[in-house]
Amino acid sequence: MSYWDGKRVLVTGGSGFLGKHVLAGLARRGVTAPVAPRSREYDLVDGNAVRRLYADSKPDVVIHLAAKVGGIGANRENPGRFFYDNLMMGVQLIEEGRKAGVKKLVAIGTVCAYPKFTPVPFKEEALWDGYPEETNAPYGLAKKMLLVQSQAYRAQYGFNSIFLLPVNLYGPHDNFDPSLSHVIPALIKKMFDAREQGAPFITVWGDGSPTREFLYAADAAEGILLATERYDASDPVNLGSGEEYAIKDLVAVLAAACGFEGEIRWDPSQPNGQPRRKLDVEKAKQLFGFTAATAFAEGLRQTVEWYRQARATGEAR
């Protein structure tokens, strides 16, 4: 029998960017009616709403994707909100899930939890070797507390929860709102806007020297579902592509994909963020057989094409 046969599945954040891809992956596995609540129905920051959600859905498996997220600007403007909301959502879902008899809970962390100066590639064992990069530390630390809780609850209660650390995600259905978006959707929108307005240049934060690793969202969803099926321990596991790109190179590739031929102006008065990001992805391969399948160039092409169509229909956020 399939792992999913007969199981009731709850996906928090199912209507969001990553959630859409996880729900699609569940559908391919034959899961026909996962519960994917909206925040207006159940505010997961509110403990009463979490208890009501569990009472209503009675899940066997919980995949916790819901989060308050954003790029560097959003993190700088909302450090308190990003810390409190992400902490309270995760902590209460795990605690109330334990009480409700959930068989397995999958908590999604973030690469932002790693120390600012982590040896590259980032190994899971380095997670506690320093303080995160300052602009997103509150968010990263709130997420990292779910690892602490996961390990503590397994030790005391035998609660089966796992903790995954995805790198920067991108792909169709991403959030292109400039006040909240991450680097790839932010750049794509800037370039499309500049083309439409006939602007001769765009401005990009920082100096272009930092590096980032990116994982196509559909690949991330597959990694999450493989871990749900095959991994049952509380040690953190990275999810990534294992490839590193300088922001300057990313901008050049995106300009070509978006058809933007104007000038790129860098603004070094704005923060670069963490100097380098590249994950060691061997554990995910060894423990549950995950390897990223989408080449970066192809993933970017699909993302730009999705945005082109979604922009025309008004679907893009």
C-alpha atoms as a PDB file:
ATOM      1  CA  MET A   1       0.000   0.000   0.000  1.00  0.00           C
ATOM      2  CA  SER A   2       1.078   3.559  -0.633  1.00  0.00           C
ATOM      3  CA  TYR A   3       2.301   5.601   2.314  1.00  0.00           C
ATOM      4  CA  TRP A   4      -0.633   7.942   1.764  1.00  0.00           C
ATOM      5  CA  ASP A   5      -3.403   5.350   1.583  1.00  0.00           C
ATOM      6  CA  GLY A   6      -6.082   6.068   4.161  1.00  0.00           C
ATOM      7  CA  LYS A   7      -4.244   9.032   5.675  1.00  0.00           C
ATOM      8  CA  ARG A   8      -5.882  12.391   6.296  1.00  0.00           C
ATOM      9  CA  VAL A   9      -3.416  15.118   5.268  1.00  0.00           C
ATOM     10  CA  LEU A  10      -3.347  18.744   6.443  1.00  0.00           C
ATOM     11  CA  VAL A  11      -1.222  21.253   4.507  1.00  0.00           C
ATOM     12  CA  THR A  12      -0.936  24.671   6.145  1.00  0.00           C
ATOM     13  CA  GLY A  13      -0.145  27.373   3.615  1.00  0.00           C
ATOM     14  CA  GLY A  14      -1.616  25.192   0.877  1.00  0.00           C
ATOM     15  CA  SER A  15      -2.868  28.192  -1.064  1.00  0.00           C
ATOM     16  CA  GLY A  16       0.564  29.812  -1.075  1.00  0.00           C
ATOM     17  CA  PHE A  17       3.505  29.620  -3.454  1.00  0.00           C
ATOM     18  CA  LEU A  18       5.091  26.376  -2.223  1.00  0.00           C
ATOM     19  CA  GLY A  19       1.742  25.018  -1.066  1.00  0.00           C
ATOM     20  CA  LYS A  20       0.341  24.927  -4.599  1.00  0.00           C
ATOM     21  CA  HIS A  21       3.241  22.720  -5.675  1.00  0.00           C
ATOM     22  CA  VAL A  22       2.904  20.438  -2.637  1.00  0.00           C
ATOM     23  CA  LEU A  23      -0.816  19.982  -3.310  1.00  0.00           C
ATOM     24  CA  ALA A  24      -0.021  19.146  -6.935  1.00  0.00           C
ATOM     25  CA  GLY A  25       2.504  16.565  -5.743  1.00  0.00           C
ATOM     26  CA  LEU A  26      -0.063  15.038  -3.386  1.00  0.00           C
ATOM     27  CA  ALA A  27      -2.588  14.839  -6.237  1.00  0.00           C
ATOM     28  CA  ARG A  28      -0.054  12.917  -8.334  1.00  0.00           C
ATOM     29  CA  ARG A  29       0.226  10.484  -5.422  1.00  0.00           C
ATOM     30  CA  GLY A  30      -3.518   9.942  -5.323  1.00  0.00           C
ATOM     31  CA  VAL A  31      -4.280  12.088  -2.271  1.00  0.00           C
ATOM     32  CA  THR A  32      -7.639  13.437  -3.354  1.00  0.00           C
ATOM     33  CA  ALA A  33      -8.856  15.556  -0.441  1.00  0.00           C
ATOM     34  CA  PRO A  34      -6.025  17.135   1.587  1.00  0.00           C
ATOM     35  CA  VAL A  35      -7.123  19.907   3.938  1.00  0.00           C
ATOM     36  CA  ALA A  36      -5.569  23.242   2.920  1.00  0.00           C
ATOM     37  CA  PRO A  37      -7.146  25.940   5.128  1.00  0.00           C
ATOM     38  CA  ARG A  38      -7.017  29.649   4.370  1.00  0.00           C
ATOM     39  CA  SER A  39      -5.765  32.107   6.990  1.00  0.00           C
ATOM     40  CA  ARG A  40      -9.132  33.868   7.034  1.00  0.00           C
ATOM     41  CA  GLU A  41     -10.677  30.579   8.197  1.00  0.00           C
ATOM     42  CA  TYR A  42      -8.009  29.612  10.728  1.00  0.00           C
ATOM     43  CA  ASP A  43      -5.512  32.196  11.993  1.00  0.00           C
ATOM     44  CA  LEU A  44      -2.691  29.874  13.020  1.00  0.00           C
ATOM     45  CA  VAL A  45      -1.147  32.549  15.253  1.00  0.00           C
ATOM     46  CA  ASP A  46      -4.237  32.080  17.464  1.00  0.00           C
ATOM     47  CA  GLY A  47      -4.088  28.961  19.629  1.00  0.00           C
ATOM     48  CA  ASN A  48      -7.871  28.576  19.647  1.00  0.00           C
ATOM     49  CA  ALA A  49      -7.909  28.553  15.848  1.00  0.00           C
ATOM     50  CA  VAL A  50      -5.205  25.870  15.772  1.00  0.00           C
ATOM     51  CA  ARG A  51      -7.200  23.676  18.157  1.00  0.00           C
ATOM     52  CA  ARG A  52     -10.335  24.207  16.081  1.00  0.00           C
ATOM     53  CA  LEU A  53      -8.447  23.298  12.901  1.00  0.00           C
ATOM     54  CA  TYR A  54      -7.277  20.008  14.392  1.00  0.00           C
ATOM     55  CA  ALA A  55     -10.750  19.223  15.697  1.00  0.00           C
ATOM     56  CA  ASP A  56     -12.271  19.929  12.277  1.00  0.00           C
ATOM     57  CA  SER A  57      -9.700  18.136  10.100  1.00  0.00           C
ATOM     58  CA  LYS A  58      -8.472  15.276  12.346  1.00  0.00           C
ATOM     59  CA  PRO A  59      -5.247  14.861  10.337  1.00  0.00           C
ATOM     60  CA  ASP A  60      -2.838  11.945  10.449  1.00  0.00           C
ATOM     61  CA  VAL A  61      -0.092  13.904   8.658  1.00  0.00           C
ATOM     62  CA  VAL A  62       0.587  17.645   8.904  1.00  0.00           C
ATOM     63  CA  ILE A  63       2.846  19.500   6.444  1.00  0.00           C
ATOM     64  CA  HIS A  64       3.449  22.954   7.879  1.00  0.00           C
ATOM     65  CA  LEU A  65       4.249  25.419   5.089  1.00  0.00           C
ATOM     66  CA  ALA A  66       2.399  28.519   6.319  1.00  0.00           C
ATOM     67  CA  ALA A  67       4.762  31.403   7.099  1.00  0.00           C
ATOM     68  CA  LYS A  68       5.149  35.151   7.100  1.00  0.00           C
ATOM     69  CA  VAL A  69       7.946  35.647   4.575  1.00  0.00           C
ATOM     70  CA  GLY A  70       9.587  38.294   2.416  1.00  0.00           C
ATOM     71  CA  GLY A  71      12.836  39.605   1.022  1.00  0.00           C
ATOM     72  CA  ILE A  72      15.430  41.747   2.767  1.00  0.00           C
ATOM     73  CA  GLY A  73      13.239  44.854   2.734  1.00  0.00           C
ATOM     74  CA  ALA A  74      10.234  43.110   4.260  1.00  0.00           C
ATOM     75  CA  ASN A  75      12.433  41.516   6.933  1.00  0.00           C
ATOM     76  CA  ARG A  76      13.938  44.878   7.853  1.00  0.00           C
ATOM     77  CA  GLU A  77      10.514  46.503   8.151  1.00  0.00           C
ATOM     78  CA  ASN A  78       8.752  43.695  10.039  1.00  0.00           C
ATOM     79  CA  PRO A  79      11.271  41.906  12.305  1.00  0.00           C
ATOM     80  CA  GLY A  80       8.864  41.659  15.224  1.00  0.00           C
ATOM     81  CA  ARG A  81       5.979  40.377  13.152  1.00  0.00           C
ATOM     82  CA  PHE A  82       8.138  37.894  11.281  1.00  0.00           C
ATOM     83  CA  PHE A  83       9.518  36.540  14.567  1.00  0.00           C
ATOM     84  CA  TYR A  84       6.249  36.345  16.509  1.00  0.00           C
ATOM     85  CA  ASP A  85       3.928  35.069  13.794  1.00  0.00           C
ATOM     86  CA  ASN A  86       6.293  32.366  12.539  1.00  0.00           C
ATOM     87  CA  LEU A  87       7.180  31.227  16.039  1.00  0.00           C
ATOM     88  CA  MET A  88       3.595  31.075  17.288  1.00  0.00           C
ATOM     89  CA  MET A  89       2.255  29.289  14.213  1.00  0.00           C
ATOM     90  CA  GLY A  90       4.848  26.535  14.376  1.00  0.00           C
ATOM     91  CA  VAL A  91       5.012  26.089  18.140  1.00  0.00           C
ATOM     92  CA  GLN A  92       1.241  25.796  18.480  1.00  0.00           C
ATOM     93  CA  LEU A  93       0.841  23.458  15.509  1.00  0.00           C
ATOM     94  CA  ILE A  94       3.403  21.087  16.994  1.00  0.00           C
ATOM     95  CA  GLU A  95       2.013  21.256  20.550  1.00  0.00           C
ATOM     96  CA  GLU A  96      -1.613  20.890  19.556  1.00  0.00           C
ATOM     97  CA  GLY A  97      -0.673  18.236  16.992  1.00  0.00           C
ATOM     98  CA  ARG A  98       0.955  16.192  19.739  1.00  0.00           C
ATOM     99  CA  LYS A  99      -2.166  16.485  21.856  1.00  0.00           C
ATOM    100  CA  ALA A 100      -4.411  15.585  18.925  1.00  0.00           C
ATOM    101  CA  GLY A 101      -2.486  12.398  18.159  1.00  0.00           C
ATOM    102  CA  VAL A 102      -1.005  13.468  14.802  1.00  0.00           C
ATOM    103  CA  LYS A 103       1.121  10.617  13.455  1.00  0.00           C
ATOM    104  CA  LYS A 104       3.664  12.821  11.670  1.00  0.00           C
ATOM    105  CA  LEU A 105       4.384  16.538  11.358  1.00  0.00           C
ATOM    106  CA  VAL A 106       6.719  18.032   8.767  1.00  0.00           C
ATOM    107  CA  ALA A 107       8.084  21.456   9.756  1.00  0.00           C
ATOM    108  CA  ILE A 108       9.665  23.624   7.069  1.00  0.00           C
ATOM    109  CA  GLY A 109      12.565  25.775   8.219  1.00  0.00           C
ATOM    110  CA  THR A 110      14.697  28.164   6.189  1.00  0.00           C
ATOM    111  CA  VAL A 111      18.241  28.679   4.972  1.00  0.00           C
ATOM    112  CA  CYS A 112      18.053  31.998   6.870  1.00  0.00           C
ATOM    113  CA  ALA A 113      18.521  29.997  10.081  1.00  0.00           C
ATOM    114  CA  TYR A 114      22.185  29.353   9.251  1.00  0.00           C
ATOM    115  CA  PRO A 115      24.913  31.559  10.744  1.00  0.00           C
ATOM    116  CA  LYS A 116      25.898  34.593   8.685  1.00  0.00           C
ATOM    117  CA  PHE A 117      29.389  33.223   8.094  1.00  0.00           C
ATOM    118  CA  THR A 118      28.885  29.509   7.520  1.00  0.00           C
ATOM    119  CA  PRO A 119      31.542  27.454   5.711  1.00  0.00           C
ATOM    120  CA  VAL A 120      30.384  26.645   2.179  1.00  0.00           C
ATOM    121  CA  PRO A 121      28.685  24.325   1.449  1.00  0.00           C
ATOM    122  CA  PHE A 122      26.403  24.666   4.491  1.00  0.00           C
ATOM    123  CA  LYS A 123      26.295  21.398   6.406  1.00  0.00           C
ATOM    124  CA  GLU A 124      23.449  20.734   8.821  1.00  0.00           C
ATOM    125  CA  GLU A 125      25.954  20.322  11.651  1.00  0.00           C
ATOM    126  CA  ALA A 126      26.928  24.018  11.310  1.00  0.00           C
ATOM    127  CA  LEU A 127      23.439  25.288  12.105  1.00  0.00           C
ATOM    128  CA  TRP A 128      24.341  26.352  15.654  1.00  0.00           C
ATOM    129  CA  ASP A 129      27.821  27.735  14.975  1.00  0.00           C
ATOM    130  CA  GLY A 130      26.873  31.439  14.978  1.00  0.00           C
ATOM    131  CA  TYR A 131      24.184  34.109  14.678  1.00  0.00           C
ATOM    132  CA  PRO A 132      22.180  34.454  11.423  1.00  0.00           C
ATOM    133  CA  GLU A 133      22.580  37.349   9.003  1.00  0.00           C
ATOM    134  CA  GLU A 134      21.097  40.361  10.771  1.00  0.00           C
ATOM    135  CA  THR A 135      18.467  41.427   8.220  1.00  0.00           C
ATOM    136  CA  ASN A 136      16.579  38.137   8.473  1.00  0.00           C
ATOM    137  CA  ALA A 137      17.721  36.800  11.862  1.00  0.00           C
ATOM    138  CA  PRO A 138      14.319  37.138  13.627  1.00  0.00           C
ATOM    139  CA  TYR A 139      12.633  35.082  10.902  1.00  0.00           C
ATOM    140  CA  GLY A 140      15.449  32.521  10.788  1.00  0.00           C
ATOM    141  CA  LEU A 141      15.564  32.098  14.568  1.00  0.00           C
ATOM    142  CA  ALA A 142      11.783  31.735  14.861  1.00  0.00           C
ATOM    143  CA  LYS A 143      11.935  28.908  12.352  1.00  0.00           C
ATOM    144  CA  LYS A 144      14.952  27.323  14.061  1.00  0.00           C
ATOM    145  CA  MET A 145      12.996  27.051  17.312  1.00  0.00           C
ATOM    146  CA  LEU A 146      10.771  24.522  15.566  1.00  0.00           C
ATOM    147  CA  LEU A 147      13.811  22.279  15.253  1.00  0.00           C
ATOM    148  CA  VAL A 148      14.417  22.584  18.995  1.00  0.00           C
ATOM    149  CA  GLN A 149      10.778  21.774  19.697  1.00  0.00           C
ATOM    150  CA  SER A 150      10.778  18.876  17.242  1.00  0.00           C
ATOM    151  CA  GLN A 151      13.799  17.281  18.885  1.00  0.00           C
ATOM    152  CA  ALA A 152      12.513  17.925  22.417  1.00  0.00           C
ATOM    153  CA  TYR A 153       9.096  16.461  21.646  1.00  0.00           C
ATOM    154  CA  ARG A 154      10.581  13.360  20.078  1.00  0.00           C
ATOM    155  CA  ALA A 155      12.759  12.856  23.169  1.00  0.00           C
ATOM    156  CA  GLN A 156       9.967  13.386  25.722  1.00  0.00           C
ATOM    157  CA  TYR A 157       6.789  12.334  23.942  1.00  0.00           C
ATOM    158  CA  GLY A 158       7.936  10.177  21.031  1.00  0.00           C
ATOM    159  CA  PHE A 159       6.275  12.679  18.686  1.00  0.00           C
ATOM    160  CA  ASN A 160       7.250  12.050  15.068  1.00  0.00           C
ATOM    161  CA  SER A 161       8.181  15.402  13.576  1.00  0.00           C
ATOM    162  CA  ILE A 162      10.868  16.232  11.025  1.00  0.00           C
ATOM    163  CA  PHE A 163      12.561  19.521  10.118  1.00  0.00           C
ATOM    164  CA  LEU A 164      13.644  20.474   6.595  1.00  0.00           C
ATOM    165  CA  LEU A 165      15.804  23.433   5.531  1.00  0.00           C
ATOM    166  CA  PRO A 166      14.989  24.573   1.985  1.00  0.00           C
ATOM    167  CA  VAL A 167      17.184  27.091   0.215  1.00  0.00           C
ATOM    168  CA  ASN A 168      15.778  30.104  -1.720  1.00  0.00           C
ATOM    169  CA  LEU A 169      12.796  28.940  -3.796  1.00  0.00           C
ATOM    170  CA  TYR A 170      11.560  30.247  -7.143  1.00  0.00           C
ATOM    171  CA  GLY A 171       9.063  29.245  -9.794  1.00  0.00           C
ATOM    172  CA  PRO A 172       5.486  29.728 -11.041  1.00  0.00           C
ATOM    173  CA  HIS A 173       2.971  31.100  -8.503  1.00  0.00           C
ATOM    174  CA  ASP A 174       5.669  33.020  -6.618  1.00  0.00           C
ATOM    175  CA  ASN A 175       4.828  36.333  -4.949  1.00  0.00           C
ATOM    176  CA  PHE A 176       5.822  39.233  -7.214  1.00  0.00           C
ATOM    177  CA  ASP A 177       4.716  41.983  -4.811  1.00  0.00           C
ATOM    178  CA  PRO A 178       7.859  44.164  -4.506  1.00  0.00           C
ATOM    179  CA  SER A 179       7.212  44.786  -0.799  1.00  0.00           C
ATOM    180  CA  LEU A 180       7.334  41.051  -0.033  1.00  0.00           C
ATOM    181  CA  SER A 181       9.065  39.234  -2.881  1.00  0.00           C
ATOM    182  CA  HIS A 182      12.439  37.544  -2.928  1.00  0.00           C
ATOM    183  CA  VAL A 183      15.208  38.313  -5.386  1.00  0.00           C
ATOM    184  CA  ILE A 184      14.088  36.389  -8.505  1.00  0.00           C
ATOM    185  CA  PRO A 185      10.448  37.542  -8.644  1.00  0.00           C
ATOM    186  CA  ALA A 186      11.482  41.068  -7.605  1.00  0.00           C
ATOM    187  CA  LEU A 187      13.945  41.292 -10.490  1.00  0.00           C
ATOM    188  CA  ILE A 188      11.525  39.801 -13.013  1.00  0.00           C
ATOM    189  CA  LYS A 189       8.844  42.351 -12.108  1.00  0.00           C
ATOM    190  CA  LYS A 190      11.338  45.236 -12.228  1.00  0.00           C
ATOM    191  CA  MET A 191      12.445  44.231 -15.696  1.00  0.00           C
ATOM    192  CA  PHE A 192       8.930  43.813 -17.060  1.00  0.00           C
ATOM    193  CA  ASP A 193       7.888  47.148 -15.543  1.00  0.00           C
ATOM    194  CA  ALA A 194      10.933  48.884 -17.043  1.00  0.00           C
ATOM    195  CA  ARG A 195      10.218  47.462 -20.487  1.00  0.00           C
ATOM    196  CA  GLU A 196       6.580  48.561 -20.381  1.00  0.00           C
ATOM    197  CA  GLN A 197       7.465  52.058 -19.146  1.00  0.00           C
ATOM    198  CA  GLY A 198      10.442  52.510 -21.473  1.00  0.00           C
ATOM    199  CA  ALA A 199      12.772  53.052 -18.500  1.00  0.00           C
ATOM    200  CA  PRO A 200      16.464  53.056 -19.500  1.00  0.00           C
ATOM    201  CA  PHE A 201      17.679  51.316 -16.314  1.00  0.00           C
ATOM    202  CA  ILE A 202      16.696  49.389 -13.205  1.00  0.00           C
ATOM    203  CA  THR A 203      18.271  49.645  -9.754  1.00  0.00           C
ATOM    204  CA  VAL A 204      19.287  46.504  -7.886  1.00  0.00           C
ATOM    205  CA  TRP A 205      20.116  46.418  -4.175  1.00  0.00           C
ATOM    206  CA  GLY A 206      23.686  45.734  -3.061  1.00  0.00           C
ATOM    207  CA  ASP A 207      26.735  45.344  -5.246  1.00  0.00           C
ATOM    208  CA  GLY A 208      25.927  42.006  -6.898  1.00  0.00           C
ATOM    209  CA  SER A 209      28.727  40.092  -5.182  1.00  0.00           C
ATOM    210  CA  PRO A 210      26.705  37.772  -2.888  1.00  0.00           C
ATOM    211  CA  THR A 211      25.961  34.266  -4.070  1.00  0.00           C
ATOM    212  CA  ARG A 212      22.748  32.329  -3.713  1.00  0.00           C
ATOM    213  CA  GLU A 213      21.505  28.836  -4.335  1.00  0.00           C
ATOM    214  CA  PHE A 214      18.031  28.427  -5.791  1.00  0.00           C
ATOM    215  CA  LEU A 215      15.615  25.499  -5.817  1.00  0.00           C
ATOM    216  CA  TYR A 216      12.667  25.219  -8.194  1.00  0.00           C
ATOM    217  CA  ALA A 217       9.493  25.112  -6.103  1.00  0.00           C
ATOM    218  CA  ALA A 218       8.139  21.953  -7.717  1.00  0.00           C
ATOM    219  CA  ASP A 219      11.420  20.217  -6.849  1.00  0.00           C
ATOM    220  CA  ALA A 220      11.190  21.484  -3.271  1.00  0.00           C
ATOM    221  CA  ALA A 221       7.666  20.074  -3.034  1.00  0.00           C
ATOM    222  CA  GLU A 222       8.903  16.694  -4.233  1.00  0.00           C
ATOM    223  CA  GLY A 223      11.664  16.749  -1.613  1.00  0.00           C
ATOM    224  CA  ILE A 224       9.149  17.540   1.123  1.00  0.00           C
ATOM    225  CA  LEU A 225       6.876  14.687   0.083  1.00  0.00           C
ATOM    226  CA  LEU A 226       9.740  12.200  -0.197  1.00  0.00           C
ATOM    227  CA  ALA A 227      10.870  13.182   3.307  1.00  0.00           C
ATOM    228  CA  THR A 228       7.325  12.766   4.585  1.00  0.00           C
ATOM    229  CA  GLU A 229       7.219   9.261   3.175  1.00  0.00           C
ATOM    230  CA  ARG A 230      10.710   8.066   4.038  1.00  0.00           C
ATOM    231  CA  TYR A 231      12.335  10.094   6.829  1.00  0.00           C
ATOM    232  CA  ASP A 232      11.527   9.711  10.531  1.00  0.00           C
ATOM    233  CA  ALA A 233      14.138  11.513  12.634  1.00  0.00           C
ATOM    234  CA  SER A 234      14.519  15.012  14.056  1.00  0.00           C
ATOM    235  CA  ASP A 235      17.957  15.826  12.676  1.00  0.00           C
ATOM    236  CA  PRO A 236      17.615  18.759  10.245  1.00  0.00           C
ATOM    237  CA  VAL A 237      18.007  18.051   6.530  1.00  0.00           C
ATOM    238  CA  ASN A 238      18.846  20.550   3.769  1.00  0.00           C
ATOM    239  CA  LEU A 239      16.793  20.782   0.582  1.00  0.00           C
ATOM    240  CA  GLY A 240      18.608  22.436  -2.292  1.00  0.00           C
ATOM    241  CA  SER A 241      20.090  22.114  -5.749  1.00  0.00           C
ATOM    242  CA  GLY A 242      23.723  22.238  -4.632  1.00  0.00           C
ATOM    243  CA  GLU A 243      24.498  24.985  -7.187  1.00  0.00           C
ATOM    244  CA  GLU A 244      25.674  28.519  -6.375  1.00  0.00           C
ATOM    245  CA  TYR A 245      25.183  31.670  -8.478  1.00  0.00           C
ATOM    246  CA  ALA A 246      26.429  35.233  -8.018  1.00  0.00           C
ATOM    247  CA  ILE A 247      23.641  37.826  -7.983  1.00  0.00           C
ATOM    248  CA  LYS A 248      25.416  39.697 -10.816  1.00  0.00           C
ATOM    249  CA  ASP A 249      25.233  36.591 -12.987  1.00  0.00           C
ATOM    250  CA  LEU A 250      21.603  35.985 -12.044  1.00  0.00           C
ATOM    251  CA  VAL A 251      20.673  39.525 -13.092  1.00  0.00           C
ATOM    252  CA  ALA A 252      22.322  39.075 -16.487  1.00  0.00           C
ATOM    253  CA  VAL A 253      20.523  35.770 -17.144  1.00  0.00           C
ATOM    254  CA  LEU A 254      17.165  37.220 -16.093  1.00  0.00           C
ATOM    255  CA  ALA A 255      17.631  40.325 -18.251  1.00  0.00           C
ATOM    256  CA  ALA A 256      18.068  38.087 -21.286  1.00  0.00           C
ATOM    257  CA  ALA A 257      15.064  35.933 -20.345  1.00  0.00           C
ATOM    258  CA  CYS A 258      12.855  38.996 -19.758  1.00  0.00           C
ATOM    259  CA  GLY A 259      14.057  40.824 -22.868  1.00  0.00           C
ATOM    260  CA  PHE A 260      15.337  43.766 -20.813  1.00  0.00           C
ATOM    261  CA  GLU A 261      18.168  45.575 -22.591  1.00  0.00           C
ATOM    262  CA  GLY A 262      18.567  48.578 -20.294  1.00  0.00           C
ATOM    263  CA  GLU A 263      21.290  49.443 -17.795  1.00  0.00           C
ATOM    264  CA  ILE A 264      21.698  47.661 -14.456  1.00  0.00           C
ATOM    265  CA  ARG A 265      22.524  50.126 -11.692  1.00  0.00           C
ATOM    266  CA  TRP A 266      23.727  48.709  -8.400  1.00  0.00           C
ATOM    267  CA  ASP A 267      22.917  50.415  -5.094  1.00  0.00           C
ATOM    268  CA  PRO A 268      25.658  49.483  -2.588  1.00  0.00           C
ATOM    269  CA  SER A 269      23.997  51.645   0.073  1.00  0.00           C
ATOM    270  CA  GLN A 270      21.427  48.848   0.410  1.00  0.00           C
ATOM    271  CA  PRO A 271      22.313  45.556   2.153  1.00  0.00           C
ATOM    272  CA  ASN A 272      23.750  42.593   0.313  1.00  0.00           C
ATOM    273  CA  GLY A 273      22.403  40.089   2.819  1.00  0.00           C
ATOM    274  CA  GLN A 274      24.354  36.931   3.631  1.00  0.00           C
ATOM    275  CA  PRO A 275      27.643  36.830   1.644  1.00  0.00           C
ATOM    276  CA  ARG A 276      27.274  33.275   0.320  1.00  0.00           C
ATOM    277  CA  ARG A 277      24.662  30.543   0.333  1.00  0.00           C
ATOM    278  CA  LYS A 278      25.182  27.022  -0.900  1.00  0.00           C
ATOM    279  CA  LEU A 279      23.902  23.920   0.840  1.00  0.00           C
ATOM    280  CA  ASP A 280      25.416  20.496   1.247  1.00  0.00           C
ATOM    281  CA  VAL A 281      22.597  18.353  -0.153  1.00  0.00           C
ATOM    282  CA  GLU A 282      24.009  14.864   0.421  1.00  0.00           C
ATOM    283  CA  LYS A 283      21.827  13.977   3.416  1.00  0.00           C
ATOM    284  CA  ALA A 284      18.596  14.483   1.506  1.00  0.00           C
ATOM    285  CA  LYS A 285      19.891  12.195  -1.229  1.00  0.00           C
ATOM    286  CA  GLN A 286      21.050   9.534   1.211  1.00  0.00           C
ATOM    287  CA  LEU A 287      18.154   9.631   3.672  1.00  0.00           C
ATOM    288  CA  PHE A 288      15.158   9.899   1.355  1.00  0.00           C
ATOM    289  CA  GLY A 289      16.430   9.914  -2.225  1.00  0.00           C
ATOM    290  CA  PHE A 290      15.918  13.551  -3.133  1.00  0.00           C
ATOM    291  CA  THR A 291      17.873  15.245  -5.917  1.00  0.00           C
ATOM    292  CA  ALA A 292      16.752  18.467  -7.622  1.00  0.00           C
ATOM    293  CA  ALA A 293      15.543  17.667 -11.143  1.00  0.00           C
ATOM    294  CA  THR A 294      15.064  21.086 -12.788  1.00  0.00           C
ATOM    295  CA  ALA A 295      18.031  22.822 -14.389  1.00  0.00           C
ATOM    296  CA  PHE A 296      18.311  26.447 -13.285  1.00  0.00           C
ATOM    297  CA  ALA A 297      18.085  27.909 -16.788  1.00  0.00           C
ATOM    298  CA  GLU A 298      14.956  25.883 -17.533  1.00  0.00           C
ATOM    299  CA  GLY A 299      13.377  26.800 -14.194  1.00  0.00           C
ATOM    300  CA  LEU A 300      14.004  30.490 -14.842  1.00  0.00           C
ATOM    301  CA  ARG A 301      12.547  30.198 -18.342  1.00  0.00           C
ATOM    302  CA  GLN A 302       9.379  28.578 -16.984  1.00  0.00           C
ATOM    303  CA  THR A 303       9.099  31.179 -14.213  1.00  0.00           C
ATOM    304  CA  VAL A 304       9.453  34.111 -16.612  1.00  0.00           C
ATOM    305  CA  GLU A 305       6.945  32.579 -19.019  1.00  0.00           C
ATOM    306  CA  TRP A 306       4.446  31.939 -16.209  1.00  0.00           C
ATOM    307  CA  TYR A 307       4.809  35.540 -15.050  1.00  0.00           C
ATOM    308  CA  ARG A 308       4.400  36.842 -18.593  1.00  0.00           C
ATOM    309  CA  GLN A 309       1.053  35.073 -18.903  1.00  0.00           C
ATOM    310  CA  ALA A 310      -0.058  35.754 -15.314  1.00  0.00           C
ATOM    311  CA  ARG A 311       0.744  39.439 -15.712  1.00  0.00           C
ATOM    312  CA  ALA A 312      -1.413  39.614 -18.817  1.00  0.00           C
ATOM    313  CA  THR A 313      -4.371  37.953 -17.055  1.00  0.00           C
ATOM    314  CA  GLY A 314      -3.923  39.729 -13.708  1.00  0.00           C
ATOM    315  CA  GLU A 315      -3.153  36.482 -11.884  1.00  0.00           C
ATOM    316  CA  ALA A 316       0.344  37.468 -10.730  1.00  0.00           C
ATOM    317  CA  ARG A 317       0.522  38.738  -7.152  1.00  0.00           C
END
